Each structure stands twice: as structure tokens, then as C-alpha cells.
C-alpha atoms as a PDB file:
ATOM      1  CA  MET A   1       0.000   0.000   0.000  1.00  0.00           C
ATOM      2  CA  ASN A   2       1.068   3.607  -0.564  1.00  0.00           C
ATOM      3  CA  THR A   3       2.520   4.757   2.763  1.00  0.00           C
ATOM      4  CA  GLU A   4       1.589   8.349   1.934  1.00  0.00           C
ATOM      5  CA  THR A   5      -2.095   7.423   2.009  1.00  0.00           C
ATOM      6  CA  THR A   6      -2.029   4.769   4.728  1.00  0.00           C
ATOM      7  CA  MET A   7      -1.003   4.552   8.366  1.00  0.00           C
ATOM      8  CA  ARG A   8      -0.496   1.975  11.080  1.00  0.00           C
ATOM      9  CA  ALA A   9      -3.269   1.595  13.612  1.00  0.00           C
ATOM     10  CA  ALA A  10      -4.193  -0.765  16.432  1.00  0.00           C
ATOM     11  CA  LEU A  11      -7.509  -2.416  15.552  1.00  0.00           C
ATOM     12  CA  VAL A  12     -10.057  -4.010  17.872  1.00  0.00           C
ATOM     13  CA  THR A  13     -12.668  -5.673  15.687  1.00  0.00           C
ATOM     14  CA  ARG A  14     -14.142  -7.990  18.325  1.00  0.00           C
ATOM     15  CA  TYR A  15     -14.469  -7.825  22.088  1.00  0.00           C
ATOM     16  CA  GLY A  16     -12.097  -9.851  24.192  1.00  0.00           C
ATOM     17  CA  ALA A  17      -8.702 -10.093  25.901  1.00  0.00           C
ATOM     18  CA  PRO A  18      -5.741  -7.957  24.766  1.00  0.00           C
ATOM     19  CA  ASP A  19      -4.749 -10.559  22.161  1.00  0.00           C
ATOM     20  CA  VAL A  20      -7.711  -9.489  19.982  1.00  0.00           C
ATOM     21  CA  ILE A  21      -5.731  -6.360  19.059  1.00  0.00           C
ATOM     22  CA  ARG A  22      -3.821  -6.346  15.778  1.00  0.00           C
ATOM     23  CA  ILE A  23      -1.652  -3.751  14.080  1.00  0.00           C
ATOM     24  CA  ALA A  24      -2.683  -3.084  10.483  1.00  0.00           C
ATOM     25  CA  GLU A  25      -2.262  -0.620   7.634  1.00  0.00           C
ATOM     26  CA  VAL A  26      -5.427   1.412   7.184  1.00  0.00           C
ATOM     27  CA  PRO A  27      -6.320   4.476   5.105  1.00  0.00           C
ATOM     28  CA  ARG A  28      -4.893   7.681   6.541  1.00  0.00           C
ATOM     29  CA  PRO A  29      -7.589  10.284   7.252  1.00  0.00           C
ATOM     30  CA  GLU A  30      -7.569  13.615   5.460  1.00  0.00           C
ATOM     31  CA  PRO A  31      -8.568  16.805   7.259  1.00  0.00           C
ATOM     32  CA  LYS A  32     -11.907  18.253   6.242  1.00  0.00           C
ATOM     33  CA  PRO A  33     -12.575  21.993   6.313  1.00  0.00           C
ATOM     34  CA  GLY A  34     -12.024  23.228   9.875  1.00  0.00           C
ATOM     35  CA  GLU A  35     -10.018  20.141  10.888  1.00  0.00           C
ATOM     36  CA  LEU A  36      -6.414  19.367  11.787  1.00  0.00           C
ATOM     37  CA  LEU A  37      -4.521  16.224  10.865  1.00  0.00           C
ATOM     38  CA  VAL A  38      -2.295  15.339  13.814  1.00  0.00           C
ATOM     39  CA  ARG A  39       0.727  13.061  13.517  1.00  0.00           C
ATOM     40  CA  VAL A  40       0.482  11.152  16.785  1.00  0.00           C
ATOM     41  CA  ARG A  41       3.667  10.960  18.815  1.00  0.00           C
ATOM     42  CA  ALA A  42       2.180   9.405  21.952  1.00  0.00           C
ATOM     43  CA  THR A  43      -1.176   8.196  23.252  1.00  0.00           C
ATOM     44  CA  THR A  44      -2.408   6.204  26.246  1.00  0.00           C
ATOM     45  CA  VAL A  45      -4.332   3.048  26.975  1.00  0.00           C
ATOM     46  CA  SER A  46      -6.816   4.216  29.582  1.00  0.00           C
ATOM     47  CA  SER A  47      -9.258   2.277  31.709  1.00  0.00           C
ATOM     48  CA  GLY A  48     -11.875   3.493  29.240  1.00  0.00           C
ATOM     49  CA  ASP A  49     -10.039   1.835  26.358  1.00  0.00           C
ATOM     50  CA  SER A  50      -9.693  -1.358  28.377  1.00  0.00           C
ATOM     51  CA  ARG A  51     -13.406  -1.428  29.193  1.00  0.00           C
ATOM     52  CA  ILE A  52     -14.383  -0.921  25.544  1.00  0.00           C
ATOM     53  CA  ARG A  53     -12.000  -3.603  24.274  1.00  0.00           C
ATOM     54  CA  SER A  54     -13.161  -6.166  26.833  1.00  0.00           C
ATOM     55  CA  PHE A  55     -16.755  -4.908  26.905  1.00  0.00           C
ATOM     56  CA  THR A  56     -16.600  -4.550  30.672  1.00  0.00           C
ATOM     57  CA  VAL A  57     -19.429  -2.162  31.478  1.00  0.00           C
ATOM     58  CA  PRO A  58     -21.252  -1.269  34.707  1.00  0.00           C
ATOM     59  CA  ARG A  59     -24.302  -3.341  35.553  1.00  0.00           C
ATOM     60  CA  GLY A  60     -27.363  -2.338  33.548  1.00  0.00           C
ATOM     61  CA  PHE A  61     -25.417  -0.748  30.686  1.00  0.00           C
ATOM     62  CA  GLY A  62     -24.962  -3.932  28.618  1.00  0.00           C
ATOM     63  CA  ILE A  63     -27.646  -3.395  25.988  1.00  0.00           C
ATOM     64  CA  PRO A  64     -27.270   0.411  25.748  1.00  0.00           C
ATOM     65  CA  MET A  65     -23.511   0.046  25.291  1.00  0.00           C
ATOM     66  CA  LEU A  66     -23.890  -2.696  22.688  1.00  0.00           C
ATOM     67  CA  ILE A  67     -26.132  -0.338  20.728  1.00  0.00           C
ATOM     68  CA  ALA A  68     -23.712   2.574  21.177  1.00  0.00           C
ATOM     69  CA  LEU A  69     -20.447   0.702  20.558  1.00  0.00           C
ATOM     70  CA  GLY A  70     -21.327  -2.214  18.295  1.00  0.00           C
ATOM     71  CA  PHE A  71     -22.715  -5.711  18.816  1.00  0.00           C
ATOM     72  CA  ARG A  72     -19.828  -8.034  17.910  1.00  0.00           C
ATOM     73  CA  GLY A  73     -17.009  -5.569  18.359  1.00  0.00           C
ATOM     74  CA  PRO A  74     -16.418  -1.820  18.477  1.00  0.00           C
ATOM     75  CA  ARG A  75     -17.960  -0.033  15.534  1.00  0.00           C
ATOM     76  CA  GLN A  76     -14.936   2.262  15.736  1.00  0.00           C
ATOM     77  CA  PRO A  77     -12.089  -0.292  15.813  1.00  0.00           C
ATOM     78  CA  VAL A  78      -9.343   2.254  16.550  1.00  0.00           C
ATOM     79  CA  LEU A  79      -9.545   3.077  20.256  1.00  0.00           C
ATOM     80  CA  GLY A  80      -7.648   5.826  22.085  1.00  0.00           C
ATOM     81  CA  LEU A  81      -9.101   8.838  23.895  1.00  0.00           C
ATOM     82  CA  GLU A  82      -6.099  11.174  24.150  1.00  0.00           C
ATOM     83  CA  VAL A  83      -3.034  11.968  22.056  1.00  0.00           C
ATOM     84  CA  ALA A  84      -0.110  14.331  21.761  1.00  0.00           C
ATOM     85  CA  GLY A  85       1.523  15.042  18.440  1.00  0.00           C
ATOM     86  CA  VAL A  86       2.331  17.501  15.679  1.00  0.00           C
ATOM     87  CA  VAL A  87      -0.021  19.090  13.154  1.00  0.00           C
ATOM     88  CA  ALA A  88       0.756  17.441   9.815  1.00  0.00           C
ATOM     89  CA  ALA A  89      -1.886  19.164   7.664  1.00  0.00           C
ATOM     90  CA  VAL A  90      -4.824  21.528   8.049  1.00  0.00           C
ATOM     91  CA  GLY A  91      -8.161  21.690   6.312  1.00  0.00           C
ATOM     92  CA  ALA A  92      -9.625  24.733   4.602  1.00  0.00           C
ATOM     93  CA  GLY A  93     -10.395  27.650   6.905  1.00  0.00           C
ATOM     94  CA  VAL A  94      -8.170  26.604   9.814  1.00  0.00           C
ATOM     95  CA  ALA A  95      -6.627  29.676  11.444  1.00  0.00           C
ATOM     96  CA  ARG A  96      -5.676  28.753  15.025  1.00  0.00           C
ATOM     97  CA  PHE A  97      -3.038  26.127  14.206  1.00  0.00           C
ATOM     98  CA  ARG A  98      -0.333  25.668  11.601  1.00  0.00           C
ATOM     99  CA  VAL A  99       1.575  22.698  10.232  1.00  0.00           C
ATOM    100  CA  GLY A 100       4.367  21.873  12.679  1.00  0.00           C
ATOM    101  CA  ASP A 101       2.517  22.991  15.822  1.00  0.00           C
ATOM    102  CA  ALA A 102       2.804  20.586  18.750  1.00  0.00           C
ATOM    103  CA  VAL A 103      -0.644  19.881  20.214  1.00  0.00           C
ATOM    104  CA  ILE A 104      -2.602  17.860  22.734  1.00  0.00           C
ATOM    105  CA  ALA A 105      -5.887  16.469  21.429  1.00  0.00           C
ATOM    106  CA  TYR A 106      -8.670  14.696  23.275  1.00  0.00           C
ATOM    107  CA  PRO A 107     -10.888  12.815  20.805  1.00  0.00           C
ATOM    108  CA  GLY A 108     -12.739  11.320  23.777  1.00  0.00           C
ATOM    109  CA  ALA A 109     -15.737   9.209  22.823  1.00  0.00           C
ATOM    110  CA  SER A 110     -14.919   9.458  19.108  1.00  0.00           C
ATOM    111  CA  LEU A 111     -11.710   7.500  19.890  1.00  0.00           C
ATOM    112  CA  ARG A 112      -9.202   6.955  16.989  1.00  0.00           C
ATOM    113  CA  GLY A 113      -6.089   7.846  19.000  1.00  0.00           C
ATOM    114  CA  HIS A 114      -4.291   4.484  18.687  1.00  0.00           C
ATOM    115  CA  ALA A 115      -2.975   5.279  15.226  1.00  0.00           C
ATOM    116  CA  GLU A 116      -0.234   7.230  13.502  1.00  0.00           C
ATOM    117  CA  TYR A 117      -2.639  10.009  12.494  1.00  0.00           C
ATOM    118  CA  VAL A 118      -5.905  11.398  13.812  1.00  0.00           C
ATOM    119  CA  THR A 119      -8.141  14.279  12.746  1.00  0.00           C
ATOM    120  CA  ILE A 120      -9.771  16.702  15.140  1.00  0.00           C
ATOM    121  CA  ARG A 121     -11.819  19.869  14.740  1.00  0.00           C
ATOM    122  CA  GLU A 122      -9.846  23.095  15.099  1.00  0.00           C
ATOM    123  CA  HIS A 123     -12.389  24.313  17.664  1.00  0.00           C
ATOM    124  CA  GLY A 124     -12.726  20.920  19.327  1.00  0.00           C
ATOM    125  CA  ASN A 125     -10.754  19.503  22.220  1.00  0.00           C
ATOM    126  CA  VAL A 126      -7.277  20.500  21.097  1.00  0.00           C
ATOM    127  CA  ILE A 127      -4.713  22.868  22.640  1.00  0.00           C
ATOM    128  CA  ALA A 128      -1.102  23.806  22.048  1.00  0.00           C
ATOM    129  CA  LYS A 129       1.282  21.460  23.848  1.00  0.00           C
ATOM    130  CA  PRO A 130       3.055  23.302  26.679  1.00  0.00           C
ATOM    131  CA  ASP A 131       6.815  23.379  26.156  1.00  0.00           C
ATOM    132  CA  HIS A 132       7.501  21.994  29.638  1.00  0.00           C
ATOM    133  CA  LEU A 133       5.760  18.700  28.824  1.00  0.00           C
ATOM    134  CA  ASP A 134       7.293  16.113  26.529  1.00  0.00           C
ATOM    135  CA  PHE A 135       4.952  14.228  24.202  1.00  0.00           C
ATOM    136  CA  GLU A 136       4.523  11.283  26.569  1.00  0.00           C
ATOM    137  CA  GLN A 137       3.631  13.505  29.514  1.00  0.00           C
ATOM    138  CA  ALA A 138       1.333  15.554  27.299  1.00  0.00           C
ATOM    139  CA  ALA A 139      -0.488  12.441  26.093  1.00  0.00           C
ATOM    140  CA  ALA A 140      -1.193  11.510  29.720  1.00  0.00           C
ATOM    141  CA  LEU A 141      -2.512  14.940  30.717  1.00  0.00           C
ATOM    142  CA  CYS A 142      -6.215  14.671  29.970  1.00  0.00           C
ATOM    143  CA  PHE A 143      -8.040  11.422  30.764  1.00  0.00           C
ATOM    144  CA  GLY A 144      -7.464  11.479  34.520  1.00  0.00           C
ATOM    145  CA  GLY A 145      -7.272  15.239  34.808  1.00  0.00           C
ATOM    146  CA  LEU A 146     -10.494  15.999  32.948  1.00  0.00           C
ATOM    147  CA  THR A 147     -12.383  13.440  35.012  1.00  0.00           C
ATOM    148  CA  ALA A 148     -11.006  14.859  38.252  1.00  0.00           C
ATOM    149  CA  LEU A 149     -11.891  18.439  37.287  1.00  0.00           C
ATOM    150  CA  HIS A 150     -15.409  17.432  36.272  1.00  0.00           C
ATOM    151  CA  PHE A 151     -16.217  15.696  39.538  1.00  0.00           C
ATOM    152  CA  LEU A 152     -14.236  17.718  42.060  1.00  0.00           C
ATOM    153  CA  VAL A 153     -14.609  21.207  40.630  1.00  0.00           C
ATOM    154  CA  THR A 154     -17.671  21.321  38.364  1.00  0.00           C
ATOM    155  CA  LEU A 155     -19.890  19.011  40.444  1.00  0.00           C
ATOM    156  CA  ALA A 156     -18.613  18.988  44.042  1.00  0.00           C
ATOM    157  CA  ARG A 157     -17.069  22.482  44.094  1.00  0.00           C
ATOM    158  CA  VAL A 158     -14.427  21.374  46.555  1.00  0.00           C
ATOM    159  CA  LYS A 159     -13.312  24.214  48.834  1.00  0.00           C
ATOM    160  CA  GLU A 160     -10.267  24.991  50.901  1.00  0.00           C
ATOM    161  CA  GLY A 161     -10.139  23.078  54.190  1.00  0.00           C
ATOM    162  CA  GLU A 162     -12.606  20.382  53.156  1.00  0.00           C
ATOM    163  CA  ARG A 163     -11.747  16.754  53.810  1.00  0.00           C
ATOM    164  CA  VAL A 164     -11.631  14.718  50.601  1.00  0.00           C
ATOM    165  CA  LEU A 165     -11.206  10.952  50.371  1.00  0.00           C
ATOM    166  CA  ILE A 166     -10.167   9.415  47.042  1.00  0.00           C
ATOM    167  CA  LEU A 167     -10.874   5.712  46.428  1.00  0.00           C
ATOM    168  CA  GLY A 168      -8.539   4.233  43.814  1.00  0.00           C
ATOM    169  CA  ALA A 169      -6.001   6.979  44.460  1.00  0.00           C
ATOM    170  CA  SER A 170      -3.106   5.417  42.534  1.00  0.00           C
ATOM    171  CA  GLY A 171      -4.732   5.205  39.092  1.00  0.00           C
ATOM    172  CA  ALA A 172      -4.716   7.897  36.417  1.00  0.00           C
ATOM    173  CA  VAL A 173      -7.977   9.436  37.652  1.00  0.00           C
ATOM    174  CA  GLY A 174      -7.109   8.952  41.322  1.00  0.00           C
ATOM    175  CA  LEU A 175      -3.681  10.587  41.154  1.00  0.00           C
ATOM    176  CA  ALA A 176      -5.133  13.512  39.207  1.00  0.00           C
ATOM    177  CA  ALA A 177      -7.903  13.831  41.806  1.00  0.00           C
ATOM    178  CA  VAL A 178      -5.421  13.820  44.698  1.00  0.00           C
ATOM    179  CA  GLN A 179      -3.408  16.625  43.097  1.00  0.00           C
ATOM    180  CA  ILE A 180      -6.372  18.767  42.070  1.00  0.00           C
ATOM    181  CA  ALA A 181      -8.108  18.425  45.454  1.00  0.00           C
ATOM    182  CA  ARG A 182      -4.860  19.342  47.195  1.00  0.00           C
ATOM    183  CA  HIS A 183      -4.400  22.335  44.884  1.00  0.00           C
ATOM    184  CA  ARG A 184      -7.838  23.571  45.927  1.00  0.00           C
ATOM    185  CA  GLY A 185      -6.728  23.475  49.545  1.00  0.00           C
ATOM    186  CA  ALA A 186      -8.479  20.275  50.608  1.00  0.00           C
ATOM    187  CA  VAL A 187      -7.085  17.836  53.161  1.00  0.00           C
ATOM    188  CA  VAL A 188      -6.765  14.686  51.082  1.00  0.00           C
ATOM    189  CA  THR A 189      -6.887  11.033  52.093  1.00  0.00           C
ATOM    190  CA  GLY A 190      -6.055   8.454  49.435  1.00  0.00           C
ATOM    191  CA  VAL A 191      -7.195   4.827  49.529  1.00  0.00           C
ATOM    192  CA  CYS A 192      -4.898   2.441  47.665  1.00  0.00           C
ATOM    193  CA  SER A 193      -2.732  -0.652  48.136  1.00  0.00           C
ATOM    194  CA  ALA A 194       0.100  -0.641  50.662  1.00  0.00           C
ATOM    195  CA  ALA A 195       2.612  -0.614  47.788  1.00  0.00           C
ATOM    196  CA  ASN A 196       1.228   2.700  46.511  1.00  0.00           C
ATOM    197  CA  THR A 197       0.797   4.701  49.711  1.00  0.00           C
ATOM    198  CA  GLU A 198       4.112   6.557  49.260  1.00  0.00           C
ATOM    199  CA  LEU A 199       3.209   7.477  45.670  1.00  0.00           C
ATOM    200  CA  VAL A 200      -0.174   8.811  46.788  1.00  0.00           C
ATOM    201  CA  ARG A 201       1.409  10.843  49.583  1.00  0.00           C
ATOM    202  CA  ASP A 202       3.960  12.244  47.142  1.00  0.00           C
ATOM    203  CA  ALA A 203       1.058  13.351  44.931  1.00  0.00           C
ATOM    204  CA  GLY A 204      -0.312  15.467  47.789  1.00  0.00           C
ATOM    205  CA  ALA A 205      -2.398  13.236  50.047  1.00  0.00           C
ATOM    206  CA  GLU A 206      -1.945  14.045  53.734  1.00  0.00           C
ATOM    207  CA  HIS A 207      -3.161  10.567  54.661  1.00  0.00           C
ATOM    208  CA  ALA A 208      -3.033   7.247  52.812  1.00  0.00           C
ATOM    209  CA  ILE A 209      -5.144   4.199  53.726  1.00  0.00           C
ATOM    210  CA  ASP A 210      -4.194   0.660  52.733  1.00  0.00           C
ATOM    211  CA  TYR A 211      -7.554  -0.781  51.696  1.00  0.00           C
ATOM    212  CA  ALA A 212      -6.454  -4.291  52.706  1.00  0.00           C
ATOM    213  CA  ALA A 213      -5.702  -3.198  56.261  1.00  0.00           C
ATOM    214  CA  GLU A 214      -8.405  -0.606  56.970  1.00  0.00           C
ATOM    215  CA  ASP A 215     -12.020  -0.072  55.913  1.00  0.00           C
ATOM    216  CA  PHE A 216     -12.550   3.677  55.666  1.00  0.00           C
ATOM    217  CA  THR A 217     -16.299   3.222  56.250  1.00  0.00           C
ATOM    218  CA  ARG A 218     -15.588   1.791  59.705  1.00  0.00           C
ATOM    219  CA  ASN A 219     -12.787   4.008  61.002  1.00  0.00           C
ATOM    220  CA  GLY A 220     -15.108   6.612  62.526  1.00  0.00           C
ATOM    221  CA  ARG A 221     -13.831   9.487  60.368  1.00  0.00           C
ATOM    222  CA  THR A 222     -16.054  11.611  58.163  1.00  0.00           C
ATOM    223  CA  TYR A 223     -15.297  13.417  54.919  1.00  0.00           C
ATOM    224  CA  ASP A 224     -16.858  16.307  53.055  1.00  0.00           C
ATOM    225  CA  VAL A 225     -16.254  14.552  49.738  1.00  0.00           C
ATOM    226  CA  VAL A 226     -15.755  10.887  48.896  1.00  0.00           C
ATOM    227  CA  MET A 227     -14.675  10.325  45.297  1.00  0.00           C
ATOM    228  CA  ASP A 228     -14.889   6.709  44.133  1.00  0.00           C
ATOM    229  CA  CYS A 229     -12.750   6.375  41.007  1.00  0.00           C
ATOM    230  CA  ILE A 230     -13.109   2.592  40.635  1.00  0.00           C
ATOM    231  CA  GLY A 231     -16.674   1.638  41.540  1.00  0.00           C
ATOM    232  CA  ALA A 232     -15.727   0.260  44.955  1.00  0.00           C
ATOM    233  CA  THR A 233     -18.511   1.692  47.091  1.00  0.00           C
ATOM    234  CA  SER A 234     -22.085   2.963  47.131  1.00  0.00           C
ATOM    235  CA  TYR A 235     -24.019   5.563  49.059  1.00  0.00           C
ATOM    236  CA  ALA A 236     -25.459   2.924  51.380  1.00  0.00           C
ATOM    237  CA  GLN A 237     -21.973   1.666  52.206  1.00  0.00           C
ATOM    238  CA  CYS A 238     -20.323   4.996  52.879  1.00  0.00           C
ATOM    239  CA  ARG A 239     -23.095   7.361  53.998  1.00  0.00           C
ATOM    240  CA  ARG A 240     -21.889   7.277  57.615  1.00  0.00           C
ATOM    241  CA  SER A 241     -18.494   8.445  56.363  1.00  0.00           C
ATOM    242  CA  LEU A 242     -19.998  11.588  54.832  1.00  0.00           C
ATOM    243  CA  ALA A 243     -20.071  14.737  56.947  1.00  0.00           C
ATOM    244  CA  PRO A 244     -23.187  16.943  56.956  1.00  0.00           C
ATOM    245  CA  GLY A 245     -23.481  18.403  53.482  1.00  0.00           C
ATOM    246  CA  GLY A 246     -21.087  15.737  52.183  1.00  0.00           C
ATOM    247  CA  ARG A 247     -20.895  14.679  48.544  1.00  0.00           C
ATOM    248  CA  LEU A 248     -20.293  11.224  47.090  1.00  0.00           C
ATOM    249  CA  LEU A 249     -18.753  11.261  43.605  1.00  0.00           C
ATOM    250  CA  ARG A 250     -19.242   7.994  41.710  1.00  0.00           C
ATOM    251  CA  VAL A 251     -16.990   7.941  38.648  1.00  0.00           C
ATOM    252  CA  VAL A 252     -18.052   4.345  37.912  1.00  0.00           C
ATOM    253  CA  ALA A 253     -21.654   3.411  38.711  1.00  0.00           C
ATOM    254  CA  SER A 254     -24.346   1.010  37.524  1.00  0.00           C
ATOM    255  CA  LEU A 255     -27.303   2.244  35.493  1.00  0.00           C
ATOM    256  CA  ALA A 256     -29.494   1.998  38.598  1.00  0.00           C
ATOM    257  CA  GLY A 257     -26.864   3.906  40.566  1.00  0.00           C
ATOM    258  CA  GLN A 258     -26.819   6.720  38.019  1.00  0.00           C
ATOM    259  CA  ILE A 259     -30.607   6.962  37.955  1.00  0.00           C
ATOM    260  CA  ALA A 260     -30.876   6.954  41.751  1.00  0.00           C
ATOM    261  CA  ALA A 261     -27.985   9.370  42.380  1.00  0.00           C
ATOM    262  CA  PRO A 262     -30.004  12.645  42.298  1.00  0.00           C
ATOM    263  CA  LEU A 263     -32.378  11.317  44.968  1.00  0.00           C
ATOM    264  CA  GLN A 264     -29.916   9.592  47.278  1.00  0.00           C
ATOM    265  CA  GLY A 265     -28.751  11.276  50.451  1.00  0.00           C
ATOM    266  CA  ARG A 266     -31.236  14.135  50.392  1.00  0.00           C
ATOM    267  CA  LEU A 267     -32.829  13.126  53.697  1.00  0.00           C
ATOM    268  CA  SER A 268     -29.382  13.084  55.290  1.00  0.00           C
ATOM    269  CA  GLY A 269     -28.275  16.359  53.746  1.00  0.00           C
ATOM    270  CA  HIS A 270     -25.886  14.638  51.340  1.00  0.00           C
ATOM    271  CA  ARG A 271     -25.565  14.741  47.563  1.00  0.00           C
ATOM    272  CA  VAL A 272     -24.583  11.925  45.217  1.00  0.00           C
ATOM    273  CA  PHE A 273     -23.165  12.563  41.753  1.00  0.00           C
ATOM    274  CA  ALA A 274     -22.823   9.857  39.106  1.00  0.00           C
ATOM    275  CA  SER A 275     -22.251  11.097  35.590  1.00  0.00           C
ATOM    276  CA  VAL A 276     -19.977  10.868  32.579  1.00  0.00           C
ATOM    277  CA  SER A 277     -17.124  13.317  32.047  1.00  0.00           C
ATOM    278  CA  ALA A 278     -16.937  14.318  28.378  1.00  0.00           C
ATOM    279  CA  GLY A 279     -14.112  16.841  28.739  1.00  0.00           C
ATOM    280  CA  ASN A 280     -13.862  20.305  27.196  1.00  0.00           C
ATOM    281  CA  VAL A 281     -11.156  22.567  25.863  1.00  0.00           C
ATOM    282  CA  GLU A 282     -11.359  25.033  28.758  1.00  0.00           C
ATOM    283  CA  ASP A 283     -10.626  22.254  31.235  1.00  0.00           C
ATOM    284  CA  MET A 284      -7.744  21.128  29.002  1.00  0.00           C
ATOM    285  CA  ARG A 285      -6.288  24.636  29.236  1.00  0.00           C
ATOM    286  CA  THR A 286      -6.753  24.554  33.005  1.00  0.00           C
ATOM    287  CA  LEU A 287      -4.821  21.283  33.235  1.00  0.00           C
ATOM    288  CA  ALA A 288      -2.025  22.687  31.074  1.00  0.00           C
ATOM    289  CA  GLU A 289      -1.736  25.716  33.352  1.00  0.00           C
ATOM    290  CA  LEU A 290      -1.808  23.584  36.502  1.00  0.00           C
ATOM    291  CA  SER A 291       0.971  21.474  35.045  1.00  0.00           C
ATOM    292  CA  ARG A 292       2.980  24.615  34.250  1.00  0.00           C
ATOM    293  CA  THR A 293       2.777  25.781  37.868  1.00  0.00           C
ATOM    294  CA  GLY A 294       3.588  22.318  39.204  1.00  0.00           C
ATOM    295  CA  ALA A 295       0.181  21.846  40.837  1.00  0.00           C
ATOM    296  CA  TYR A 296      -0.608  18.879  38.588  1.00  0.00           C
ATOM    297  CA  ARG A 297       1.722  16.474  36.854  1.00  0.00           C
ATOM    298  CA  PRO A 298       0.724  13.425  34.841  1.00  0.00           C
ATOM    299  CA  VAL A 299       2.190  10.251  36.358  1.00  0.00           C
ATOM    300  CA  ILE A 300       3.397   7.655  33.864  1.00  0.00           C
ATOM    301  CA  ASP A 301       3.237   4.017  34.925  1.00  0.00           C
ATOM    302  CA  SER A 302       4.901   2.451  31.885  1.00  0.00           C
ATOM    303  CA  ARG A 303       5.610   2.938  28.185  1.00  0.00           C
ATOM    304  CA  TYR A 304       4.981   0.610  25.240  1.00  0.00           C
ATOM    305  CA  PRO A 305       5.594   1.038  21.503  1.00  0.00           C
ATOM    306  CA  LEU A 306       2.530   0.810  19.262  1.00  0.00           C
ATOM    307  CA  GLU A 307       3.607  -2.679  18.169  1.00  0.00           C
ATOM    308  CA  ARG A 308       3.227  -3.843  21.798  1.00  0.00           C
ATOM    309  CA  ILE A 309      -0.053  -2.110  22.563  1.00  0.00           C
ATOM    310  CA  ALA A 310      -1.587  -5.439  23.595  1.00  0.00           C
ATOM    311  CA  GLY A 311       0.903  -5.434  26.470  1.00  0.00           C
ATOM    312  CA  ALA A 312      -0.267  -1.947  27.428  1.00  0.00           C
ATOM    313  CA  HIS A 313      -3.853  -3.220  27.566  1.00  0.00           C
ATOM    314  CA  ALA A 314      -2.745  -6.168  29.703  1.00  0.00           C
ATOM    315  CA  ARG A 315      -1.035  -3.762  32.106  1.00  0.00           C
ATOM    316  CA  VAL A 316      -4.259  -1.777  32.472  1.00  0.00           C
ATOM    317  CA  ASP A 317      -6.257  -4.996  32.907  1.00  0.00           C
ATOM    318  CA  SER A 318      -3.961  -5.998  35.789  1.00  0.00           C
ATOM    319  CA  ARG A 319      -5.391  -3.149  37.890  1.00  0.00           C
ATOM    320  CA  ARG A 320      -1.906  -2.581  39.261  1.00  0.00           C
ATOM    321  CA  LYS A 321      -0.926   0.394  37.143  1.00  0.00           C
ATOM    322  CA  ARG A 322       0.203   3.585  38.853  1.00  0.00           C
ATOM    323  CA  GLY A 323      -0.955   6.508  36.759  1.00  0.00           C
ATOM    324  CA  SER A 324      -1.123   6.319  32.978  1.00  0.00           C
ATOM    325  CA  VAL A 325       0.067   3.655  30.549  1.00  0.00           C
ATOM    326  CA  VAL A 326       1.620   5.462  27.572  1.00  0.00           C
ATOM    327  CA  VAL A 327       1.968   4.161  24.009  1.00  0.00           C
ATOM    328  CA  THR A 328       4.676   5.746  21.865  1.00  0.00           C
ATOM    329  CA  VAL A 329       3.757   6.019  18.206  1.00  0.00           C
ATOM    330  CA  GLY A 330       6.185   8.221  16.298  1.00  0.00           C
END
């Protein structure tokens, strides 16, 4: 095939274990009017990518997700929610970016990041890459950070002095949440494995709880915000751990949990939030600025070349990753 019109991409054409992934030559996209063509230098395999590939969805979402994603395999076979790279071409009318600009792009639900090239709208989720971040760090900026901003800032409005507990504090979302809550002046407690307590403290948590040794719902302490990044708790389980006016943030929740969230806790003066974070360009700019000041830094667990992306998926599936799993592309 003509390499000027094709590219390498990681394809997932059926649901299953990481070995369903194959690297193939596919047609290279061309930018339409108002679009950029980005030459991908680095991307990540996120927990979202892992869930799509394996079709691991919260209870109650099976049929809706089959309709949305595809019945036998992903309708969009190229996964990947976030990338960093260089603008290779621009469509008609593009004015904000030029060929050669280094950028961070967040395709999000449209995926397509696990490839050598991806297109994105000029006025979509794309920003200039800050000079202080290399491409691997830049690729890991958004997935965890955007989720943390959505729940902690947009929904919970965490304030200085509040006590915030983060469940799953050593993952990409959890480490971002620890740093962002700390930046807002909260007193942060992270729940993780014993092996990761030092990492979580280094990220800004004042306290770290080993989940195997201590059940935070039974230690007698209360928190203004409990953020569950991994689907490990429910309102019924942790309501006694919420202070008056406390908020439970459920990043991963069943369909029933999402439907019930607006009604739960009202009699006790609590609020429960369970929603999907789509991400937006203003929050991307916020993350870039926080990274510039040192308030937020993406944590990289491991790096894999595109040819070994199945190994990156396996690392995510292990549930032992610390931060983001990066895939280098170009």
C-alpha cells in the first residue's frame, strides 16, 4: 500500500482479551474543512479503552452500550481517547493552528487515538502542547485530569479546608484527583494498596489508607467529599463516612446507581453525583496551566511502543498500574 495514504493503527474488531488487538495498515484520514490532521507521537491506553476492548461495562449498561459501541465488536475499531503530536496538515479555513505545531488532542468518545494520524476539529478539544511537557507527559494529561476536574470542581465544588477521600487513588484518575483536590486546599486522604501509599502521599495526600488493612467506612472518620474512582462503594456503604453536606462522587456506577444518584442522600443532607465526564477545551487549558505551575503532573506508569499495545492493555487490565500507561507512536 502507498505509505503516503495509509497509516499503522491498532484495531479491535471484536471484544475480548488484549490478544484481539492487531496492528494493520489502514487508510490515513484527510482533514476536512475546519479540521487538523495530527501526527500522533504518543497516546495512552486508559481504563476506558480497556473497558471498551473487553466490553466490561457497569451493571445495567450492557444493551445500551452494545447499541452505542457495536454488537460483535467496536464499531470504531481504533480506540484511544487522548493523544499528543504535531499538526501534519490543516483543512480549509483553519486559522488557530499551523503545520508543525505541537498539540494535545482529546478525541474522547470518538476515539481513533491508537494510530499514527488522527483528525480533530480546530475548535474541538485540542490545545497547544506546553513546552515543559514532553509528548509522553502531554499524552497523559487529559483522561485522569479531565475526570477529576469534572467531579471535584464542576460538580462537588471542593473548597479549601474540606476533607476529601479518594478511592482508587493510585490510578490515572485517582492521582489527578489527589493533586487537584490538594491544589484547591483540601485535606486529602487516598485509599490504595500498601505498595502505593508513598506514591499517593507524594502526589499530595496528607493521609493514605491501605484498603487491605483498613475499611474507611468503619474508622469513625467523616469526609466532606468521597470520590470513588473505581466503583468500589455505594451511598449505602459509605453514607456514615460523609459529613453533613457531604458529597459522594461515583466515577463508575451502575445504570441503577446513576438513575438513583439525584435522589440519594437528600434526607441526610448529602448529595450523590454519578455522571460521565466528556471533557472540554477550557478544562484542558486549566490542566495545562496547573501542570505549568507544578500543581498537577501526569504520572506515567509504563511505556509501550505501538507494536506492543496489547501489552499496554494487559497492564491496564492488571489493575496494578500507577498513573497512565503510555503508548509511543512516532
